[in-house]
Amino acid sequence: MNEEDQKIREMLAGFRPEAVKSEVDFMASLQQKMDTVDTVREFCRAERRRNSRAIIIAAIAGVLTGAGLTFATPYLTALFGEVLGAILPWVIVALGVLAAIFAGYFLTILLSSASDSKQVATAPAGR
């Protein structure tokens, strides 16, 4: 017997399955566990949808902000002069785009979480 088999035997040595009184109790317990699994799966699907939506909105916000600030660089260069005008406008563009991306992502997550919690609160009690 190798070391891995020994570790598995040690882990399973303390395992004592619950005694099921009847088939009806077993089926009720199984159904309850299956309902829990369905709830977790639905939550994961909702999280995936929420994250996908947030990423798309963040990308759109980043592209629009980047384009707008890029078009504004000649004005920013003139505003900051020759010394700072060479690099500072691009730093402003980069920081603006990052701010727009993060704001778009986190606002979407926040608003969709609030929306999902309202839907859960108004959902029928049976499901």
C-alpha atoms as a PDB file:
ATOM      1  CA  MET A   1       0.000   0.000   0.000  1.00  0.00           C
ATOM      2  CA  ASN A   2       1.457   3.346  -1.008  1.00  0.00           C
ATOM      3  CA  GLU A   3       1.382   6.591   0.945  1.00  0.00           C
ATOM      4  CA  GLU A   4      -1.566   8.034  -0.996  1.00  0.00           C
ATOM      5  CA  ASP A   5      -3.729   4.987  -0.270  1.00  0.00           C
ATOM      6  CA  GLN A   6      -2.841   5.239   3.403  1.00  0.00           C
ATOM      7  CA  LYS A   7      -3.890   8.906   3.499  1.00  0.00           C
ATOM      8  CA  ILE A   8      -7.212   8.055   1.875  1.00  0.00           C
ATOM      9  CA  ARG A   9      -7.817   5.269   4.375  1.00  0.00           C
ATOM     10  CA  GLU A  10      -7.058   7.652   7.262  1.00  0.00           C
ATOM     11  CA  MET A  11      -9.470  10.248   5.897  1.00  0.00           C
ATOM     12  CA  LEU A  12     -12.252   7.690   5.488  1.00  0.00           C
ATOM     13  CA  ALA A  13     -11.629   5.933   8.802  1.00  0.00           C
ATOM     14  CA  GLY A  14     -13.728   8.465  10.724  1.00  0.00           C
ATOM     15  CA  PHE A  15     -16.559   8.545   8.167  1.00  0.00           C
ATOM     16  CA  ARG A  16     -19.806   7.224   9.577  1.00  0.00           C
ATOM     17  CA  PRO A  17     -22.779   7.774   7.263  1.00  0.00           C
ATOM     18  CA  GLU A  18     -26.064   8.745   8.861  1.00  0.00           C
ATOM     19  CA  ALA A  19     -28.531   5.917   9.247  1.00  0.00           C
ATOM     20  CA  VAL A  20     -31.634   6.579   7.171  1.00  0.00           C
ATOM     21  CA  LYS A  21     -34.866   5.616   8.904  1.00  0.00           C
ATOM     22  CA  SER A  22     -36.860   5.066   5.778  1.00  0.00           C
ATOM     23  CA  GLU A  23     -36.847   5.540   2.077  1.00  0.00           C
ATOM     24  CA  VAL A  24     -39.192   8.529   2.463  1.00  0.00           C
ATOM     25  CA  ASP A  25     -36.732  10.266   4.805  1.00  0.00           C
ATOM     26  CA  PHE A  26     -33.928   9.549   2.380  1.00  0.00           C
ATOM     27  CA  MET A  27     -35.873  10.992  -0.561  1.00  0.00           C
ATOM     28  CA  ALA A  28     -36.869  14.106   1.439  1.00  0.00           C
ATOM     29  CA  SER A  29     -33.267  14.664   2.452  1.00  0.00           C
ATOM     30  CA  LEU A  30     -32.081  14.107  -1.113  1.00  0.00           C
ATOM     31  CA  GLN A  31     -34.692  16.517  -2.494  1.00  0.00           C
ATOM     32  CA  GLN A  32     -33.654  19.174   0.017  1.00  0.00           C
ATOM     33  CA  LYS A  33     -30.012  18.796  -0.996  1.00  0.00           C
ATOM     34  CA  MET A  34     -30.924  18.942  -4.695  1.00  0.00           C
ATOM     35  CA  ASP A  35     -32.907  22.146  -4.068  1.00  0.00           C
ATOM     36  CA  THR A  36     -29.842  23.615  -2.382  1.00  0.00           C
ATOM     37  CA  VAL A  37     -27.698  22.685  -5.385  1.00  0.00           C
ATOM     38  CA  ASP A  38     -30.237  24.332  -7.727  1.00  0.00           C
ATOM     39  CA  THR A  39     -30.154  27.498  -5.622  1.00  0.00           C
ATOM     40  CA  VAL A  40     -26.358  27.640  -5.779  1.00  0.00           C
ATOM     41  CA  ARG A  41     -26.371  27.044  -9.546  1.00  0.00           C
ATOM     42  CA  GLU A  42     -28.895  29.849 -10.092  1.00  0.00           C
ATOM     43  CA  PHE A  43     -26.787  32.175  -7.960  1.00  0.00           C
ATOM     44  CA  CYS A  44     -23.685  31.319 -10.026  1.00  0.00           C
ATOM     45  CA  ARG A  45     -25.573  31.981 -13.267  1.00  0.00           C
ATOM     46  CA  ALA A  46     -26.754  35.351 -11.961  1.00  0.00           C
ATOM     47  CA  GLU A  47     -23.204  36.254 -10.917  1.00  0.00           C
ATOM     48  CA  ARG A  48     -21.894  35.327 -14.353  1.00  0.00           C
ATOM     49  CA  ARG A  49     -24.554  37.475 -16.065  1.00  0.00           C
ATOM     50  CA  ARG A  50     -23.856  40.380 -13.709  1.00  0.00           C
ATOM     51  CA  ASN A  51     -20.099  40.194 -14.290  1.00  0.00           C
ATOM     52  CA  SER A  52     -20.488  39.920 -18.071  1.00  0.00           C
ATOM     53  CA  ARG A  53     -22.749  42.960 -18.143  1.00  0.00           C
ATOM     54  CA  ALA A  54     -20.354  44.910 -15.939  1.00  0.00           C
ATOM     55  CA  ILE A  55     -17.344  44.074 -18.108  1.00  0.00           C
ATOM     56  CA  ILE A  56     -19.152  45.157 -21.271  1.00  0.00           C
ATOM     57  CA  ILE A  57     -20.254  48.454 -19.715  1.00  0.00           C
ATOM     58  CA  ALA A  58     -16.754  49.070 -18.330  1.00  0.00           C
ATOM     59  CA  ALA A  59     -15.205  48.445 -21.760  1.00  0.00           C
ATOM     60  CA  ILE A  60     -17.631  50.822 -23.447  1.00  0.00           C
ATOM     61  CA  ALA A  61     -16.990  53.484 -20.793  1.00  0.00           C
ATOM     62  CA  GLY A  62     -13.242  53.062 -21.221  1.00  0.00           C
ATOM     63  CA  VAL A  63     -13.357  53.341 -25.001  1.00  0.00           C
ATOM     64  CA  LEU A  64     -15.609  56.408 -24.959  1.00  0.00           C
ATOM     65  CA  THR A  65     -13.555  58.140 -22.256  1.00  0.00           C
ATOM     66  CA  GLY A  66     -10.295  57.274 -24.006  1.00  0.00           C
ATOM     67  CA  ALA A  67     -11.551  58.604 -27.315  1.00  0.00           C
ATOM     68  CA  GLY A  68     -12.866  61.791 -25.725  1.00  0.00           C
ATOM     69  CA  LEU A  69      -9.701  62.484 -23.781  1.00  0.00           C
ATOM     70  CA  THR A  70      -7.512  61.610 -26.760  1.00  0.00           C
ATOM     71  CA  PHE A  71      -9.318  64.224 -28.830  1.00  0.00           C
ATOM     72  CA  ALA A  72      -8.736  66.669 -25.973  1.00  0.00           C
ATOM     73  CA  THR A  73      -4.941  66.152 -25.860  1.00  0.00           C
ATOM     74  CA  PRO A  74      -4.118  69.127 -28.120  1.00  0.00           C
ATOM     75  CA  TYR A  75      -6.007  71.361 -25.715  1.00  0.00           C
ATOM     76  CA  LEU A  76      -4.347  69.741 -22.706  1.00  0.00           C
ATOM     77  CA  THR A  77      -0.916  70.187 -24.314  1.00  0.00           C
ATOM     78  CA  ALA A  78      -1.591  73.877 -24.879  1.00  0.00           C
ATOM     79  CA  LEU A  79      -2.902  74.186 -21.329  1.00  0.00           C
ATOM     80  CA  PHE A  80       0.171  72.669 -19.650  1.00  0.00           C
ATOM     81  CA  GLY A  81       2.827  74.168 -21.927  1.00  0.00           C
ATOM     82  CA  GLU A  82       5.772  72.594 -23.703  1.00  0.00           C
ATOM     83  CA  VAL A  83       7.541  70.972 -20.733  1.00  0.00           C
ATOM     84  CA  LEU A  84       4.601  69.218 -19.106  1.00  0.00           C
ATOM     85  CA  GLY A  85       2.562  69.191 -22.298  1.00  0.00           C
ATOM     86  CA  ALA A  86       4.500  66.288 -23.789  1.00  0.00           C
ATOM     87  CA  ILE A  87       3.553  63.640 -21.228  1.00  0.00           C
ATOM     88  CA  LEU A  88       0.949  65.006 -18.826  1.00  0.00           C
ATOM     89  CA  PRO A  89      -1.983  64.880 -21.264  1.00  0.00           C
ATOM     90  CA  TRP A  90      -1.352  61.173 -21.860  1.00  0.00           C
ATOM     91  CA  VAL A  91      -1.182  60.549 -18.120  1.00  0.00           C
ATOM     92  CA  ILE A  92      -4.526  62.329 -17.792  1.00  0.00           C
ATOM     93  CA  VAL A  93      -5.943  60.188 -20.622  1.00  0.00           C
ATOM     94  CA  ALA A  94      -4.717  56.971 -18.958  1.00  0.00           C
ATOM     95  CA  LEU A  95      -6.007  57.924 -15.506  1.00  0.00           C
ATOM     96  CA  GLY A  96      -9.325  59.078 -16.940  1.00  0.00           C
ATOM     97  CA  VAL A  97      -9.801  55.831 -18.824  1.00  0.00           C
ATOM     98  CA  LEU A  98      -8.935  53.771 -15.740  1.00  0.00           C
ATOM     99  CA  ALA A  99     -11.341  55.804 -13.622  1.00  0.00           C
ATOM    100  CA  ALA A 100     -14.112  55.343 -16.194  1.00  0.00           C
ATOM    101  CA  ILE A 101     -13.500  51.600 -16.435  1.00  0.00           C
ATOM    102  CA  PHE A 102     -13.505  51.041 -12.685  1.00  0.00           C
ATOM    103  CA  ALA A 103     -16.491  53.317 -12.138  1.00  0.00           C
ATOM    104  CA  GLY A 104     -18.465  51.605 -14.897  1.00  0.00           C
ATOM    105  CA  TYR A 105     -17.656  48.140 -13.616  1.00  0.00           C
ATOM    106  CA  PHE A 106     -18.338  48.767  -9.941  1.00  0.00           C
ATOM    107  CA  LEU A 107     -21.469  50.843 -10.529  1.00  0.00           C
ATOM    108  CA  THR A 108     -22.880  48.117 -12.744  1.00  0.00           C
ATOM    109  CA  ILE A 109     -22.125  45.452 -10.138  1.00  0.00           C
ATOM    110  CA  LEU A 110     -23.620  47.615  -7.395  1.00  0.00           C
ATOM    111  CA  LEU A 111     -26.776  48.482  -9.314  1.00  0.00           C
ATOM    112  CA  SER A 112     -27.351  44.948 -10.562  1.00  0.00           C
ATOM    113  CA  SER A 113     -26.866  43.581  -7.030  1.00  0.00           C
ATOM    114  CA  ALA A 114     -29.493  46.002  -5.754  1.00  0.00           C
ATOM    115  CA  SER A 115     -31.800  45.003  -8.605  1.00  0.00           C
ATOM    116  CA  ASP A 116     -31.277  41.283  -7.943  1.00  0.00           C
ATOM    117  CA  SER A 117     -31.969  41.688  -4.222  1.00  0.00           C
ATOM    118  CA  LYS A 118     -35.268  43.466  -5.045  1.00  0.00           C
ATOM    119  CA  GLN A 119     -36.226  40.577  -7.325  1.00  0.00           C
ATOM    120  CA  VAL A 120     -35.428  38.044  -4.601  1.00  0.00           C
ATOM    121  CA  ALA A 121     -37.493  40.017  -2.081  1.00  0.00           C
ATOM    122  CA  THR A 122     -40.529  40.063  -4.385  1.00  0.00           C
ATOM    123  CA  ALA A 123     -40.209  36.448  -5.573  1.00  0.00           C
ATOM    124  CA  PRO A 124     -42.979  34.042  -4.552  1.00  0.00           C
ATOM    125  CA  ALA A 125     -42.275  31.995  -1.445  1.00  0.00           C
ATOM    126  CA  GLY A 126     -42.693  28.644  -3.221  1.00  0.00           C
ATOM    127  CA  ARG A 127     -39.690  29.097  -5.505  1.00  0.00           C
END
